[in-house]
C-alpha atoms as a PDB file:
ATOM      1  CA  MET A   1     -27.467 -58.461  15.953  1.00  0.00           C
ATOM      2  CA  VAL A   2     -25.528 -57.229  12.916  1.00  0.00           C
ATOM      3  CA  ALA A   3     -27.355 -56.564   9.843  1.00  0.00           C
ATOM      4  CA  GLU A   4     -26.190 -58.612   6.825  1.00  0.00           C
ATOM      5  CA  GLY A   5     -24.964 -57.025   3.692  1.00  0.00           C
ATOM      6  CA  ARG A   6     -23.560 -53.860   5.459  1.00  0.00           C
ATOM      7  CA  GLY A   7     -19.775 -53.224   5.697  1.00  0.00           C
ATOM      8  CA  PRO A   8     -17.803 -51.968   8.682  1.00  0.00           C
ATOM      9  CA  ALA A   9     -18.744 -48.586  10.254  1.00  0.00           C
ATOM     10  CA  THR A  10     -16.726 -45.669   8.876  1.00  0.00           C
ATOM     11  CA  SER A  11     -15.653 -42.456  10.498  1.00  0.00           C
ATOM     12  CA  ALA A  12     -17.913 -39.342   9.969  1.00  0.00           C
ATOM     13  CA  THR A  13     -14.793 -37.209   8.959  1.00  0.00           C
ATOM     14  CA  PRO A  14     -13.778 -37.658   5.231  1.00  0.00           C
ATOM     15  CA  GLN A  15     -10.314 -38.712   4.724  1.00  0.00           C
ATOM     16  CA  LEU A  16      -8.199 -36.769   2.239  1.00  0.00           C
ATOM     17  CA  GLU A  17      -5.942 -38.660  -0.007  1.00  0.00           C
ATOM     18  CA  VAL A  18      -2.330 -37.458   0.095  1.00  0.00           C
ATOM     19  CA  ALA A  19      -0.205 -37.925  -2.968  1.00  0.00           C
ATOM     20  CA  GLY A  20       3.413 -38.622  -2.433  1.00  0.00           C
ATOM     21  CA  ASP A  21       5.106 -36.665   0.565  1.00  0.00           C
ATOM     22  CA  PHE A  22       2.798 -33.708   0.392  1.00  0.00           C
ATOM     23  CA  PHE A  23       1.054 -32.883   3.667  1.00  0.00           C
ATOM     24  CA  ASN A  24      -1.231 -29.935   4.052  1.00  0.00           C
ATOM     25  CA  PRO A  25      -2.830 -29.921   7.544  1.00  0.00           C
ATOM     26  CA  GLU A  26      -5.557 -27.658   8.646  1.00  0.00           C
ATOM     27  CA  VAL A  27      -4.662 -24.462  10.641  1.00  0.00           C
ATOM     28  CA  PRO A  28      -7.087 -23.483  13.380  1.00  0.00           C
ATOM     29  CA  LEU A  29      -8.373 -19.957  12.953  1.00  0.00           C
ATOM     30  CA  ASP A  30      -7.520 -19.218  16.633  1.00  0.00           C
ATOM     31  CA  ALA A  31      -3.849 -20.000  15.765  1.00  0.00           C
ATOM     32  CA  LEU A  32      -3.599 -17.386  13.024  1.00  0.00           C
ATOM     33  CA  PRO A  33      -1.614 -14.368  13.818  1.00  0.00           C
ATOM     34  CA  GLY A  34      -3.576 -11.040  14.193  1.00  0.00           C
ATOM     35  CA  VAL A  35      -2.614  -7.971  12.319  1.00  0.00           C
ATOM     36  CA  GLU A  36      -3.467  -5.823  15.339  1.00  0.00           C
ATOM     37  CA  THR A  37      -0.625  -7.647  17.320  1.00  0.00           C
ATOM     38  CA  VAL A  38       2.020  -6.417  14.665  1.00  0.00           C
ATOM     39  CA  ASP A  39       4.363  -3.553  15.909  1.00  0.00           C
ATOM     40  CA  TRP A  40       3.737  -1.132  13.314  1.00  0.00           C
ATOM     41  CA  ALA A  41       6.603   1.287  12.547  1.00  0.00           C
ATOM     42  CA  PRO A  42       5.475   4.957  11.974  1.00  0.00           C
ATOM     43  CA  LEU A  43       6.418   6.852   8.924  1.00  0.00           C
ATOM     44  CA  HIS A  44       9.021   9.644   8.991  1.00  0.00           C
ATOM     45  CA  PRO A  45       8.118  12.520  11.260  1.00  0.00           C
ATOM     46  CA  ARG A  46       8.591  15.094   8.399  1.00  0.00           C
ATOM     47  CA  PHE A  47       6.230  13.272   6.010  1.00  0.00           C
ATOM     48  CA  ALA A  48       3.167  15.221   7.259  1.00  0.00           C
ATOM     49  CA  ARG A  49       4.890  18.492   6.823  1.00  0.00           C
ATOM     50  CA  ARG A  50       6.086  17.574   3.391  1.00  0.00           C
ATOM     51  CA  LEU A  51       2.480  16.752   2.426  1.00  0.00           C
ATOM     52  CA  GLN A  52       1.265  20.104   3.845  1.00  0.00           C
ATOM     53  CA  VAL A  53       3.905  22.071   1.931  1.00  0.00           C
ATOM     54  CA  GLY A  54       2.714  20.184  -1.234  1.00  0.00           C
ATOM     55  CA  ALA A  55      -0.889  21.015  -0.524  1.00  0.00           C
ATOM     56  CA  ALA A  56      -0.114  24.667   0.179  1.00  0.00           C
ATOM     57  CA  ILE A  57       1.700  25.023  -3.123  1.00  0.00           C
ATOM     58  CA  ARG A  58      -1.194  23.515  -5.024  1.00  0.00           C
ATOM     59  CA  ALA A  59      -3.561  25.754  -3.037  1.00  0.00           C
ATOM     60  CA  VAL A  60      -1.752  28.850  -4.229  1.00  0.00           C
ATOM     61  CA  VAL A  61      -1.872  27.496  -7.785  1.00  0.00           C
ATOM     62  CA  TYR A  62      -5.707  26.961  -7.569  1.00  0.00           C
ATOM     63  CA  VAL A  63      -6.419  30.211  -6.130  1.00  0.00           C
ATOM     64  CA  ALA A  64      -4.292  31.938  -8.745  1.00  0.00           C
ATOM     65  CA  ALA A  65      -6.000  30.053 -11.488  1.00  0.00           C
ATOM     66  CA  ALA A  66      -9.416  30.859 -10.080  1.00  0.00           C
ATOM     67  CA  GLY A  67      -8.396  34.546  -9.867  1.00  0.00           C
ATOM     68  CA  ALA A  68      -7.148  34.557 -13.428  1.00  0.00           C
ATOM     69  CA  PHE A  69     -10.378  32.915 -14.628  1.00  0.00           C
ATOM     70  CA  GLN A  70     -12.430  35.529 -12.866  1.00  0.00           C
ATOM     71  CA  MET A  71     -10.531  38.400 -14.215  1.00  0.00           C
ATOM     72  CA  ALA A  72     -10.704  36.867 -17.704  1.00  0.00           C
ATOM     73  CA  VAL A  73     -14.629  37.080 -17.542  1.00  0.00           C
ATOM     74  CA  SER A  74     -15.865  40.233 -19.314  1.00  0.00           C
ATOM     75  CA  PRO A  75     -17.292  43.050 -17.161  1.00  0.00           C
ATOM     76  CA  ARG A  76     -20.550  42.624 -18.930  1.00  0.00           C
ATOM     77  CA  ASN A  77     -20.819  38.885 -17.961  1.00  0.00           C
ATOM     78  CA  ARG A  78     -19.495  39.570 -14.423  1.00  0.00           C
ATOM     79  CA  ALA A  79     -22.383  42.120 -14.149  1.00  0.00           C
ATOM     80  CA  ALA A  80     -24.945  39.687 -15.485  1.00  0.00           C
ATOM     81  CA  ILE A  81     -23.720  37.072 -12.945  1.00  0.00           C
ATOM     82  CA  ALA A  82     -23.825  39.720 -10.135  1.00  0.00           C
ATOM     83  CA  GLU A  83     -27.329  40.470 -10.958  1.00  0.00           C
ATOM     84  CA  SER A  84     -28.845  37.030 -11.539  1.00  0.00           C
ATOM     85  CA  LEU A  85     -26.634  35.002  -9.119  1.00  0.00           C
ATOM     86  CA  PRO A  86     -25.174  37.395  -6.589  1.00  0.00           C
ATOM     87  CA  TRP A  87     -24.260  34.511  -4.340  1.00  0.00           C
ATOM     88  CA  LEU A  88     -22.294  32.492  -6.728  1.00  0.00           C
ATOM     89  CA  PRO A  89     -18.916  34.054  -6.675  1.00  0.00           C
ATOM     90  CA  ALA A  90     -18.840  34.005  -2.735  1.00  0.00           C
ATOM     91  CA  LEU A  91     -20.007  30.280  -2.849  1.00  0.00           C
ATOM     92  CA  LEU A  92     -17.229  29.210  -5.234  1.00  0.00           C
ATOM     93  CA  TRP A  93     -14.493  31.088  -3.235  1.00  0.00           C
ATOM     94  CA  THR A  94     -15.737  29.714  -0.076  1.00  0.00           C
ATOM     95  CA  ALA A  95     -15.716  26.102  -1.470  1.00  0.00           C
ATOM     96  CA  LEU A  96     -12.222  26.717  -2.818  1.00  0.00           C
ATOM     97  CA  GLY A  97     -11.015  27.948   0.528  1.00  0.00           C
ATOM     98  CA  VAL A  98     -12.450  25.121   2.560  1.00  0.00           C
ATOM     99  CA  PHE A  99     -11.000  22.579  -0.023  1.00  0.00           C
ATOM    100  CA  CYS A 100      -7.600  24.212   0.433  1.00  0.00           C
ATOM    101  CA  VAL A 101      -7.702  24.321   4.125  1.00  0.00           C
ATOM    102  CA  CYS A 102      -8.883  20.769   4.448  1.00  0.00           C
ATOM    103  CA  SER A 103      -6.070  19.592   2.065  1.00  0.00           C
ATOM    104  CA  ILE A 104      -3.536  21.207   4.269  1.00  0.00           C
ATOM    105  CA  VAL A 105      -4.875  19.906   7.521  1.00  0.00           C
ATOM    106  CA  TRP A 106      -5.600  16.394   6.283  1.00  0.00           C
ATOM    107  CA  PRO A 107      -2.005  15.107   6.487  1.00  0.00           C
ATOM    108  CA  LEU A 108      -2.121  15.588  10.322  1.00  0.00           C
ATOM    109  CA  ILE A 109      -4.918  13.105  10.435  1.00  0.00           C
ATOM    110  CA  ALA A 110      -3.915  10.635   7.621  1.00  0.00           C
ATOM    111  CA  VAL A 111      -0.156  10.286   8.358  1.00  0.00           C
ATOM    112  CA  PRO A 112      -0.284   8.958  11.879  1.00  0.00           C
ATOM    113  CA  ARG A 113      -2.673   6.198  10.844  1.00  0.00           C
ATOM    114  CA  ARG A 114      -0.101   4.877   8.270  1.00  0.00           C
ATOM    115  CA  GLY A 115       2.829   2.375   9.146  1.00  0.00           C
ATOM    116  CA  TYR A 116       4.771  -0.526   7.980  1.00  0.00           C
ATOM    117  CA  VAL A 117       6.233  -3.673   9.313  1.00  0.00           C
ATOM    118  CA  VAL A 118       9.218  -5.587   7.868  1.00  0.00           C
ATOM    119  CA  ARG A 119       9.110  -9.227   8.450  1.00  0.00           C
ATOM    120  CA  GLU A 120      11.329 -12.167   7.417  1.00  0.00           C
ATOM    121  CA  LYS A 121       9.124 -13.120   4.427  1.00  0.00           C
ATOM    122  CA  ASP A 122       7.013  -9.995   3.698  1.00  0.00           C
ATOM    123  CA  LEU A 123       6.408  -6.272   4.056  1.00  0.00           C
ATOM    124  CA  LEU A 124       3.201  -4.970   5.511  1.00  0.00           C
ATOM    125  CA  TYR A 125       1.807  -1.577   4.919  1.00  0.00           C
ATOM    126  CA  LYS A 126      -1.326   0.044   6.365  1.00  0.00           C
ATOM    127  CA  SER A 127      -3.077   3.241   5.360  1.00  0.00           C
ATOM    128  CA  GLY A 128      -6.396   5.036   5.380  1.00  0.00           C
ATOM    129  CA  VAL A 129      -8.670   6.888   7.829  1.00  0.00           C
ATOM    130  CA  LEU A 130     -12.275   6.214   6.876  1.00  0.00           C
ATOM    131  CA  TRP A 131     -11.466   3.202   4.554  1.00  0.00           C
ATOM    132  CA  ARG A 132      -8.535   1.553   5.951  1.00  0.00           C
ATOM    133  CA  SER A 133      -6.403  -1.065   4.115  1.00  0.00           C
ATOM    134  CA  VAL A 134      -3.500  -3.422   5.002  1.00  0.00           C
ATOM    135  CA  LYS A 135      -1.240  -4.503   2.174  1.00  0.00           C
ATOM    136  CA  ALA A 136       1.231  -7.457   2.315  1.00  0.00           C
ATOM    137  CA  PHE A 137       4.077  -7.718  -0.111  1.00  0.00           C
ATOM    138  CA  PRO A 138       5.445 -11.412   0.034  1.00  0.00           C
ATOM    139  CA  PHE A 139       9.202 -11.219  -1.034  1.00  0.00           C
ATOM    140  CA  ASN A 140       8.798 -14.446  -3.183  1.00  0.00           C
ATOM    141  CA  ARG A 141       6.287 -12.589  -5.229  1.00  0.00           C
ATOM    142  CA  VAL A 142       8.291  -9.384  -5.745  1.00  0.00           C
ATOM    143  CA  GLN A 143      10.141  -8.990  -8.942  1.00  0.00           C
ATOM    144  CA  HIS A 144      12.126  -5.829  -8.075  1.00  0.00           C
ATOM    145  CA  THR A 145      12.111  -2.581  -6.215  1.00  0.00           C
ATOM    146  CA  LYS A 146      12.847   0.998  -6.903  1.00  0.00           C
ATOM    147  CA  LEU A 147      13.373   4.232  -4.826  1.00  0.00           C
ATOM    148  CA  ASN A 148      11.578   7.408  -5.990  1.00  0.00           C
ATOM    149  CA  SER A 149      12.018  10.984  -4.736  1.00  0.00           C
ATOM    150  CA  THR A 150      10.699  14.283  -6.004  1.00  0.00           C
ATOM    151  CA  PRO A 151      12.560  17.504  -5.381  1.00  0.00           C
ATOM    152  CA  LEU A 152      10.202  18.242  -2.493  1.00  0.00           C
ATOM    153  CA  ASP A 153      10.916  14.832  -0.967  1.00  0.00           C
ATOM    154  CA  ARG A 154      14.601  15.412  -1.205  1.00  0.00           C
ATOM    155  CA  ARG A 155      14.252  18.723   0.553  1.00  0.00           C
ATOM    156  CA  PHE A 156      12.685  16.906   3.504  1.00  0.00           C
ATOM    157  CA  GLY A 157      14.997  13.883   3.220  1.00  0.00           C
ATOM    158  CA  LEU A 158      12.248  11.561   2.222  1.00  0.00           C
ATOM    159  CA  ALA A 159      11.867   8.806  -0.378  1.00  0.00           C
ATOM    160  CA  SER A 160       9.192   6.343  -1.568  1.00  0.00           C
ATOM    161  CA  LEU A 161       9.893   2.613  -1.948  1.00  0.00           C
ATOM    162  CA  SER A 162       7.934   0.990  -5.111  1.00  0.00           C
ATOM    163  CA  VAL A 163       7.591  -2.783  -4.951  1.00  0.00           C
ATOM    164  CA  PHE A 164       6.683  -4.407  -8.288  1.00  0.00           C
ATOM    165  CA  PRO A 165       5.117  -7.813  -8.233  1.00  0.00           C
ATOM    166  CA  ALA A 166       6.424 -10.694 -10.397  1.00  0.00           C
ATOM    167  CA  GLY A 167       4.678 -11.063 -13.792  1.00  0.00           C
ATOM    168  CA  GLY A 168       4.275  -7.418 -14.346  1.00  0.00           C
ATOM    169  CA  GLY A 169       1.587  -5.081 -13.006  1.00  0.00           C
ATOM    170  CA  LEU A 170       1.584  -1.779 -11.281  1.00  0.00           C
ATOM    171  CA  GLY A 171       3.843  -1.205  -8.368  1.00  0.00           C
ATOM    172  CA  ASN A 172       2.734  -0.602  -4.842  1.00  0.00           C
ATOM    173  CA  HIS A 173       4.270   2.507  -3.191  1.00  0.00           C
ATOM    174  CA  VAL A 174       5.368   2.929   0.513  1.00  0.00           C
ATOM    175  CA  ARG A 175       5.644   6.818   0.862  1.00  0.00           C
ATOM    176  CA  GLY A 176       6.953   8.711   3.755  1.00  0.00           C
ATOM    177  CA  LEU A 177      10.274   6.788   4.486  1.00  0.00           C
ATOM    178  CA  GLY A 178      13.481   8.454   5.464  1.00  0.00           C
ATOM    179  CA  ARG A 179      15.954   8.327   2.525  1.00  0.00           C
ATOM    180  CA  GLU A 180      18.392   5.982   4.583  1.00  0.00           C
ATOM    181  CA  THR A 181      15.477   3.731   5.704  1.00  0.00           C
ATOM    182  CA  ALA A 182      14.127   3.438   2.189  1.00  0.00           C
ATOM    183  CA  GLU A 183      17.547   2.474   0.860  1.00  0.00           C
ATOM    184  CA  ARG A 184      17.957  -0.088   3.573  1.00  0.00           C
ATOM    185  CA  LEU A 185      14.563  -1.576   2.879  1.00  0.00           C
ATOM    186  CA  ARG A 186      15.334  -1.789  -0.822  1.00  0.00           C
ATOM    187  CA  VAL A 187      18.610  -3.655  -0.159  1.00  0.00           C
ATOM    188  CA  TYR A 188      17.077  -5.974   2.266  1.00  0.00           C
ATOM    189  CA  ILE A 189      14.097  -6.856   0.022  1.00  0.00           C
ATOM    190  CA  SER A 190      16.526  -7.327  -3.032  1.00  0.00           C
ATOM    191  CA  GLU A 191      18.587  -9.735  -0.945  1.00  0.00           C
ATOM    192  CA  ARG A 192      15.509 -11.728   0.156  1.00  0.00           C
ATOM    193  CA  ILE A 193      14.451 -11.903  -3.495  1.00  0.00           C
ATOM    194  CA  GLU A 194      17.985 -13.232  -4.452  1.00  0.00           C
ATOM    195  CA  SER A 195      18.018 -15.735  -1.656  1.00  0.00           C
ATOM    196  CA  GLY A 196      14.559 -17.030  -2.493  1.00  0.00           C
ATOM    197  CA  ALA A 197      15.400 -17.345  -6.069  1.00  0.00           C
ATOM    198  CA  LEU A 198      18.458 -19.396  -5.238  1.00  0.00           C
ATOM    199  CA  ALA A 199      16.509 -21.575  -2.864  1.00  0.00           C
ATOM    200  CA  ALA A 200      13.895 -22.284  -5.491  1.00  0.00           C
ATOM    201  CA  ASP A 201      16.677 -23.048  -8.013  1.00  0.00           C
ATOM    202  CA  SER A 202      18.188 -25.489  -5.505  1.00  0.00           C
ATOM    203  CA  ASP A 203      15.082 -27.214  -4.877  1.00  0.00           C
ATOM    204  CA  GLU A 204      14.350 -27.638  -8.461  1.00  0.00           C
ATOM    205  CA  ARG A 205      17.718 -29.097  -9.030  1.00  0.00           C
ATOM    206  CA  SER A 206      17.287 -31.486  -6.090  1.00  0.00           C
ATOM    207  CA  GLY A 207      13.944 -32.455  -7.454  1.00  0.00           C
ATOM    208  CA  ALA A 208      15.214 -33.002 -10.916  1.00  0.00           C
ATOM    209  CA  ALA A 209      18.079 -35.205  -9.510  1.00  0.00           C
ATOM    210  CA  GLY A 210      15.739 -37.319  -7.395  1.00  0.00           C
ATOM    211  CA  ASN A 211      13.557 -37.986 -10.351  1.00  0.00           C
ATOM    212  CA  ALA A 212      16.496 -38.933 -12.447  1.00  0.00           C
ATOM    213  CA  GLY A 213      17.667 -41.438  -9.791  1.00  0.00           C
ATOM    214  CA  ARG A 214      14.357 -43.177  -9.733  1.00  0.00           C
END
């Protein structure tokens, strides 16, 4: 027996209204590509050595500054410190030495954990040891790119690629690239930006022509 006043049974799944020709189906989570399956390209082999040389130069500056500061302290004050806190100078010098050694060794740990991938529509860059991050730079959201290289970078044949998003904002930097590789990446991304802009302009004109013909 069918109860009176009730309409026909409806599906439990809500139906989404679609306007025009727009179609936006759901994508199963299992079908999403995994970042761990990406074939990461390592940074230039000389990048770790370049970071070590930079850290060694800074260490020399720190030690020289600390020594100059110690010599600038008057003998009377040094004697007072030696009497009241005899362990303080040794502690400060030990801390400075440990910091300098760690800063020189750290690139050997951090650089192998960095990498990048160039894909058709974006550029991926991973970094980090304890706190890891993966950044994606979609080419259709990039305004322009730029190469940067310090004198020390040029000494090791390296360069950094800066990617600036559309609409302004700070750029993202991919360091540790070979000079030639960085230039090729810059040219490739610039071509992708230009082709994307041309495609968007063509779609806009087609849409305007279609609306005018209605």
